[in-house]
C-alpha atoms as a PDB file:
ATOM      1  CA  UNK A   1      -0.079   0.121   0.154  1.00  0.00           C
ATOM      2  CA  UNK A   2       1.197   3.631  -0.824  1.00  0.00           C
ATOM      3  CA  UNK A   3       1.199   6.746   1.460  1.00  0.00           C
ATOM      4  CA  UNK A   4      -2.028   7.195   3.452  1.00  0.00           C
ATOM      5  CA  UNK A   5      -2.802  10.722   3.101  1.00  0.00           C
ATOM      6  CA  UNK A   6      -5.016  12.500   5.703  1.00  0.00           C
ATOM      7  CA  UNK A   7      -5.771  16.161   5.975  1.00  0.00           C
ATOM      8  CA  UNK A   8      -7.710  17.964   8.758  1.00  0.00           C
ATOM      9  CA  UNK A   9      -9.893  21.152   8.060  1.00  0.00           C
ATOM     10  CA  UNK A  10     -11.741  23.179  10.545  1.00  0.00           C
ATOM     11  CA  UNK A  11     -11.590  26.381  12.518  1.00  0.00           C
ATOM     12  CA  UNK A  12      -8.527  27.473  14.732  1.00  0.00           C
ATOM     13  CA  UNK A  13      -8.536  25.469  18.066  1.00  0.00           C
ATOM     14  CA  UNK A  14     -10.840  22.699  16.747  1.00  0.00           C
ATOM     15  CA  UNK A  15      -8.142  19.979  17.595  1.00  0.00           C
ATOM     16  CA  UNK A  16      -6.537  19.495  13.877  1.00  0.00           C
ATOM     17  CA  UNK A  17      -2.929  19.506  15.477  1.00  0.00           C
ATOM     18  CA  UNK A  18      -4.153  17.194  18.478  1.00  0.00           C
ATOM     19  CA  UNK A  19      -5.537  14.608  15.946  1.00  0.00           C
ATOM     20  CA  UNK A  20      -2.200  14.510  13.785  1.00  0.00           C
ATOM     21  CA  UNK A  21      -0.349  14.029  17.109  1.00  0.00           C
ATOM     22  CA  UNK A  22      -2.649  11.211  18.040  1.00  0.00           C
ATOM     23  CA  UNK A  23      -2.369   9.580  14.609  1.00  0.00           C
ATOM     24  CA  UNK A  24       1.304   9.962  14.359  1.00  0.00           C
ATOM     25  CA  UNK A  25       1.823   8.281  17.972  1.00  0.00           C
ATOM     26  CA  UNK A  26      -0.697   5.409  16.830  1.00  0.00           C
ATOM     27  CA  UNK A  27       1.139   5.017  13.358  1.00  0.00           C
ATOM     28  CA  UNK A  28       4.458   4.621  15.171  1.00  0.00           C
ATOM     29  CA  UNK A  29       3.228   2.130  17.597  1.00  0.00           C
ATOM     30  CA  UNK A  30       1.629   0.099  14.551  1.00  0.00           C
ATOM     31  CA  UNK A  31       5.390   0.305  13.056  1.00  0.00           C
ATOM     32  CA  UNK A  32       4.605   2.888  10.454  1.00  0.00           C
ATOM     33  CA  UNK A  33       6.279   6.143   9.698  1.00  0.00           C
ATOM     34  CA  UNK A  34       4.018   9.026   9.910  1.00  0.00           C
ATOM     35  CA  UNK A  35       5.114  12.454   8.880  1.00  0.00           C
ATOM     36  CA  UNK A  36       3.381  16.109   9.460  1.00  0.00           C
ATOM     37  CA  UNK A  37       3.152  18.391   6.579  1.00  0.00           C
ATOM     38  CA  UNK A  38       1.928  21.699   8.204  1.00  0.00           C
ATOM     39  CA  UNK A  39       1.224  24.490   5.944  1.00  0.00           C
ATOM     40  CA  UNK A  40       1.281  26.873   9.028  1.00  0.00           C
ATOM     41  CA  UNK A  41       4.690  25.836   9.854  1.00  0.00           C
ATOM     42  CA  UNK A  42       5.797  26.421   6.301  1.00  0.00           C
ATOM     43  CA  UNK A  43       4.472  29.927   6.468  1.00  0.00           C
ATOM     44  CA  UNK A  44       6.100  30.393   9.976  1.00  0.00           C
ATOM     45  CA  UNK A  45       9.383  29.292   8.209  1.00  0.00           C
ATOM     46  CA  UNK A  46       8.841  31.591   5.427  1.00  0.00           C
ATOM     47  CA  UNK A  47       8.269  34.545   7.296  1.00  0.00           C
ATOM     48  CA  UNK A  48      11.458  33.844   9.583  1.00  0.00           C
ATOM     49  CA  UNK A  49      13.721  33.554   6.619  1.00  0.00           C
ATOM     50  CA  UNK A  50      12.108  36.638   5.000  1.00  0.00           C
ATOM     51  CA  UNK A  51      12.924  38.447   8.172  1.00  0.00           C
ATOM     52  CA  UNK A  52       9.362  39.166   9.142  1.00  0.00           C
ATOM     53  CA  UNK A  53       9.538  37.331  12.432  1.00  0.00           C
ATOM     54  CA  UNK A  54      12.325  36.661  14.793  1.00  0.00           C
ATOM     55  CA  UNK A  55      14.324  33.564  13.623  1.00  0.00           C
ATOM     56  CA  UNK A  56      13.884  31.980  17.156  1.00  0.00           C
ATOM     57  CA  UNK A  57      10.390  32.492  17.871  1.00  0.00           C
ATOM     58  CA  UNK A  58       7.960  29.633  18.389  1.00  0.00           C
ATOM     59  CA  UNK A  59       4.546  29.451  17.068  1.00  0.00           C
ATOM     60  CA  UNK A  60       2.935  29.078  20.551  1.00  0.00           C
ATOM     61  CA  UNK A  61       4.680  32.510  21.375  1.00  0.00           C
ATOM     62  CA  UNK A  62       3.104  34.230  18.538  1.00  0.00           C
ATOM     63  CA  UNK A  63       0.634  37.223  19.471  1.00  0.00           C
ATOM     64  CA  UNK A  64      -2.430  37.983  17.750  1.00  0.00           C
ATOM     65  CA  UNK A  65      -0.790  40.429  15.213  1.00  0.00           C
ATOM     66  CA  UNK A  66       1.914  37.864  14.512  1.00  0.00           C
ATOM     67  CA  UNK A  67      -0.712  35.389  13.983  1.00  0.00           C
ATOM     68  CA  UNK A  68      -2.443  38.006  11.656  1.00  0.00           C
ATOM     69  CA  UNK A  69       0.741  38.029   9.738  1.00  0.00           C
ATOM     70  CA  UNK A  70       1.059  34.414   9.066  1.00  0.00           C
ATOM     71  CA  UNK A  71      -2.421  34.749   7.855  1.00  0.00           C
ATOM     72  CA  UNK A  72      -1.671  37.753   5.592  1.00  0.00           C
ATOM     73  CA  UNK A  73       1.722  36.171   4.275  1.00  0.00           C
ATOM     74  CA  UNK A  74      -0.363  32.717   3.451  1.00  0.00           C
ATOM     75  CA  UNK A  75      -2.636  34.654   1.261  1.00  0.00           C
ATOM     76  CA  UNK A  76      -0.177  36.703  -0.226  1.00  0.00           C
ATOM     77  CA  UNK A  77       1.718  33.898  -1.561  1.00  0.00           C
ATOM     78  CA  UNK A  78      -1.665  32.100  -2.586  1.00  0.00           C
ATOM     79  CA  UNK A  79      -2.500  35.161  -4.533  1.00  0.00           C
ATOM     80  CA  UNK A  80       0.522  34.817  -6.637  1.00  0.00           C
ATOM     81  CA  UNK A  81       0.210  31.047  -6.863  1.00  0.00           C
ATOM     82  CA  UNK A  82      -2.979  29.397  -5.334  1.00  0.00           C
ATOM     83  CA  UNK A  83      -1.087  26.189  -4.908  1.00  0.00           C
ATOM     84  CA  UNK A  84       2.135  27.503  -3.475  1.00  0.00           C
ATOM     85  CA  UNK A  85       1.566  25.968   0.075  1.00  0.00           C
ATOM     86  CA  UNK A  86      -0.116  22.866  -0.682  1.00  0.00           C
ATOM     87  CA  UNK A  87       2.023  22.213  -3.862  1.00  0.00           C
ATOM     88  CA  UNK A  88       5.150  22.275  -1.396  1.00  0.00           C
ATOM     89  CA  UNK A  89       3.543  19.741   1.102  1.00  0.00           C
ATOM     90  CA  UNK A  90       2.433  17.404  -1.888  1.00  0.00           C
ATOM     91  CA  UNK A  91       5.915  17.503  -3.319  1.00  0.00           C
ATOM     92  CA  UNK A  92       7.232  16.798   0.135  1.00  0.00           C
ATOM     93  CA  UNK A  93       5.186  13.789   0.592  1.00  0.00           C
ATOM     94  CA  UNK A  94       5.932  12.267  -2.742  1.00  0.00           C
ATOM     95  CA  UNK A  95       9.966  12.837  -1.986  1.00  0.00           C
ATOM     96  CA  UNK A  96       9.528  11.282   1.657  1.00  0.00           C
ATOM     97  CA  UNK A  97       6.960   8.785   0.827  1.00  0.00           C
ATOM     98  CA  UNK A  98       6.128   8.180   4.392  1.00  0.00           C
ATOM     99  CA  UNK A  99       3.514   5.422   5.237  1.00  0.00           C
ATOM    100  CA  UNK A 100       1.182   8.089   6.569  1.00  0.00           C
ATOM    101  CA  UNK A 101       1.045  11.907   5.694  1.00  0.00           C
ATOM    102  CA  UNK A 102      -0.868  14.130   7.726  1.00  0.00           C
ATOM    103  CA  UNK A 103      -1.778  17.952   7.098  1.00  0.00           C
ATOM    104  CA  UNK A 104      -3.127  19.588  10.247  1.00  0.00           C
ATOM    105  CA  UNK A 105      -4.332  22.709   8.243  1.00  0.00           C
ATOM    106  CA  UNK A 106      -6.295  22.359   4.991  1.00  0.00           C
ATOM    107  CA  UNK A 107      -7.912  25.889   4.643  1.00  0.00           C
ATOM    108  CA  UNK A 108      -9.167  26.453   1.122  1.00  0.00           C
ATOM    109  CA  UNK A 109     -11.123  24.401  -1.322  1.00  0.00           C
ATOM    110  CA  UNK A 110      -8.244  24.220  -4.037  1.00  0.00           C
ATOM    111  CA  UNK A 111      -5.924  22.968  -1.234  1.00  0.00           C
ATOM    112  CA  UNK A 112      -8.604  20.230  -0.145  1.00  0.00           C
ATOM    113  CA  UNK A 113      -9.385  19.485  -3.856  1.00  0.00           C
ATOM    114  CA  UNK A 114      -5.576  18.785  -4.656  1.00  0.00           C
ATOM    115  CA  UNK A 115      -5.059  16.959  -1.317  1.00  0.00           C
ATOM    116  CA  UNK A 116      -8.120  14.583  -2.283  1.00  0.00           C
ATOM    117  CA  UNK A 117      -6.616  14.391  -5.998  1.00  0.00           C
ATOM    118  CA  UNK A 118      -3.616  12.886  -4.569  1.00  0.00           C
ATOM    119  CA  UNK A 119      -5.615  10.061  -2.981  1.00  0.00           C
ATOM    120  CA  UNK A 120      -5.845  11.823   0.324  1.00  0.00           C
ATOM    121  CA  UNK A 121      -8.906  12.307   2.654  1.00  0.00           C
ATOM    122  CA  UNK A 122     -10.184  15.413   4.105  1.00  0.00           C
ATOM    123  CA  UNK A 123     -11.491  15.107   7.773  1.00  0.00           C
ATOM    124  CA  UNK A 124     -13.601  18.018   9.028  1.00  0.00           C
ATOM    125  CA  UNK A 125     -13.137  18.743  12.631  1.00  0.00           C
ATOM    126  CA  UNK A 126     -15.797  20.920  14.851  1.00  0.00           C
ATOM    127  CA  UNK A 127     -15.329  21.958  18.418  1.00  0.00           C
ATOM    128  CA  UNK A 128     -18.428  22.844  20.058  1.00  0.00           C
ATOM    129  CA  UNK A 129     -19.059  24.805  23.281  1.00  0.00           C
ATOM    130  CA  UNK A 130     -20.569  23.292  26.201  1.00  0.00           C
ATOM    131  CA  UNK A 131     -23.882  24.804  25.048  1.00  0.00           C
ATOM    132  CA  UNK A 132     -23.534  23.112  21.653  1.00  0.00           C
ATOM    133  CA  UNK A 133     -22.529  26.444  19.662  1.00  0.00           C
ATOM    134  CA  UNK A 134     -19.547  26.216  17.564  1.00  0.00           C
ATOM    135  CA  UNK A 135     -16.253  27.349  19.227  1.00  0.00           C
ATOM    136  CA  UNK A 136     -14.688  30.381  17.800  1.00  0.00           C
ATOM    137  CA  UNK A 137     -11.104  31.117  18.564  1.00  0.00           C
ATOM    138  CA  UNK A 138     -10.652  34.658  20.127  1.00  0.00           C
ATOM    139  CA  UNK A 139      -7.101  35.145  18.307  1.00  0.00           C
ATOM    140  CA  UNK A 140      -8.469  34.674  14.795  1.00  0.00           C
ATOM    141  CA  UNK A 141     -10.944  36.841  12.667  1.00  0.00           C
ATOM    142  CA  UNK A 142     -14.044  34.727  12.801  1.00  0.00           C
ATOM    143  CA  UNK A 143     -15.182  35.440   9.331  1.00  0.00           C
ATOM    144  CA  UNK A 144     -11.770  35.274   7.566  1.00  0.00           C
ATOM    145  CA  UNK A 145     -12.174  32.851   4.343  1.00  0.00           C
ATOM    146  CA  UNK A 146      -9.278  30.854   6.088  1.00  0.00           C
ATOM    147  CA  UNK A 147     -11.657  30.030   8.919  1.00  0.00           C
ATOM    148  CA  UNK A 148     -14.830  29.666   6.888  1.00  0.00           C
ATOM    149  CA  UNK A 149     -14.096  28.253   3.205  1.00  0.00           C
ATOM    150  CA  UNK A 150     -14.257  24.675   4.092  1.00  0.00           C
ATOM    151  CA  UNK A 151     -16.926  25.083   6.658  1.00  0.00           C
ATOM    152  CA  UNK A 152     -19.612  23.608   4.429  1.00  0.00           C
ATOM    153  CA  UNK A 153     -17.147  21.969   1.873  1.00  0.00           C
ATOM    154  CA  UNK A 154     -18.108  18.226   1.659  1.00  0.00           C
ATOM    155  CA  UNK A 155     -15.276  16.358   3.666  1.00  0.00           C
ATOM    156  CA  UNK A 156     -14.694  12.695   3.585  1.00  0.00           C
ATOM    157  CA  UNK A 157     -15.161  12.475   7.205  1.00  0.00           C
ATOM    158  CA  UNK A 158     -16.379  14.462  10.054  1.00  0.00           C
ATOM    159  CA  UNK A 159     -15.377  14.499  13.931  1.00  0.00           C
ATOM    160  CA  UNK A 160     -17.236  16.628  16.265  1.00  0.00           C
ATOM    161  CA  UNK A 161     -16.286  16.951  19.905  1.00  0.00           C
ATOM    162  CA  UNK A 162     -17.366  19.568  22.770  1.00  0.00           C
ATOM    163  CA  UNK A 163     -14.813  21.358  24.631  1.00  0.00           C
ATOM    164  CA  UNK A 164     -12.980  19.303  27.430  1.00  0.00           C
ATOM    165  CA  UNK A 165     -13.083  16.209  24.852  1.00  0.00           C
ATOM    166  CA  UNK A 166      -9.556  16.097  23.666  1.00  0.00           C
ATOM    167  CA  UNK A 167      -8.948  12.453  24.797  1.00  0.00           C
ATOM    168  CA  UNK A 168     -12.398  11.735  22.705  1.00  0.00           C
ATOM    169  CA  UNK A 169     -10.973  13.543  19.684  1.00  0.00           C
ATOM    170  CA  UNK A 170      -7.710  11.586  19.880  1.00  0.00           C
ATOM    171  CA  UNK A 171      -9.463   8.248  20.113  1.00  0.00           C
ATOM    172  CA  UNK A 172     -11.791   9.109  17.088  1.00  0.00           C
ATOM    173  CA  UNK A 173      -8.771  10.444  15.036  1.00  0.00           C
ATOM    174  CA  UNK A 174      -6.785   7.212  15.755  1.00  0.00           C
ATOM    175  CA  UNK A 175      -9.895   4.930  14.981  1.00  0.00           C
ATOM    176  CA  UNK A 176     -10.228   6.730  11.696  1.00  0.00           C
ATOM    177  CA  UNK A 177      -6.740   6.296  10.916  1.00  0.00           C
ATOM    178  CA  UNK A 178      -6.822   2.467  11.630  1.00  0.00           C
ATOM    179  CA  UNK A 179     -10.017   2.282   9.718  1.00  0.00           C
ATOM    180  CA  UNK A 180      -8.435   3.827   6.727  1.00  0.00           C
ATOM    181  CA  UNK A 181      -5.194   1.548   6.810  1.00  0.00           C
ATOM    182  CA  UNK A 182      -7.490  -1.292   6.686  1.00  0.00           C
ATOM    183  CA  UNK A 183      -9.483  -0.195   3.528  1.00  0.00           C
END
């Protein structure tokens, strides 16, 4: 079997990275190589290389304005070439040829479509507040296309959890990965 390609879409702080981390751990325990192809990390690295951010700053240290810079730079590069970021991820997957390739941040329809065209699956994650409403991260513009474009895009699979259910999210992500490995 070739590379199993799984990408996650969803709003900020809906568990995409958590799902990837759980899947990487499960794949490793199953004896498979799993790699993360994080578009956000690519944009962060690009911003550091261009001198837009300090070279030693970590993502978790970014403030709201710096996060907005990542969004703006990501959009700027996409306006020049809509496939700029996703193309890098897909090329790297082909070069690395891991057993499992994961992307924690599919944000746009063309990116999700290209991911799927490479044989990948798109998983939509939704995090709900305790009252059942959709969680909106306070550190991002709620109506930015990077947050909303894939909201109603037809994903292959859906995982919905409430706040405080990170363990359940991880279990569901691992269950889905193992299901896809078998089929």
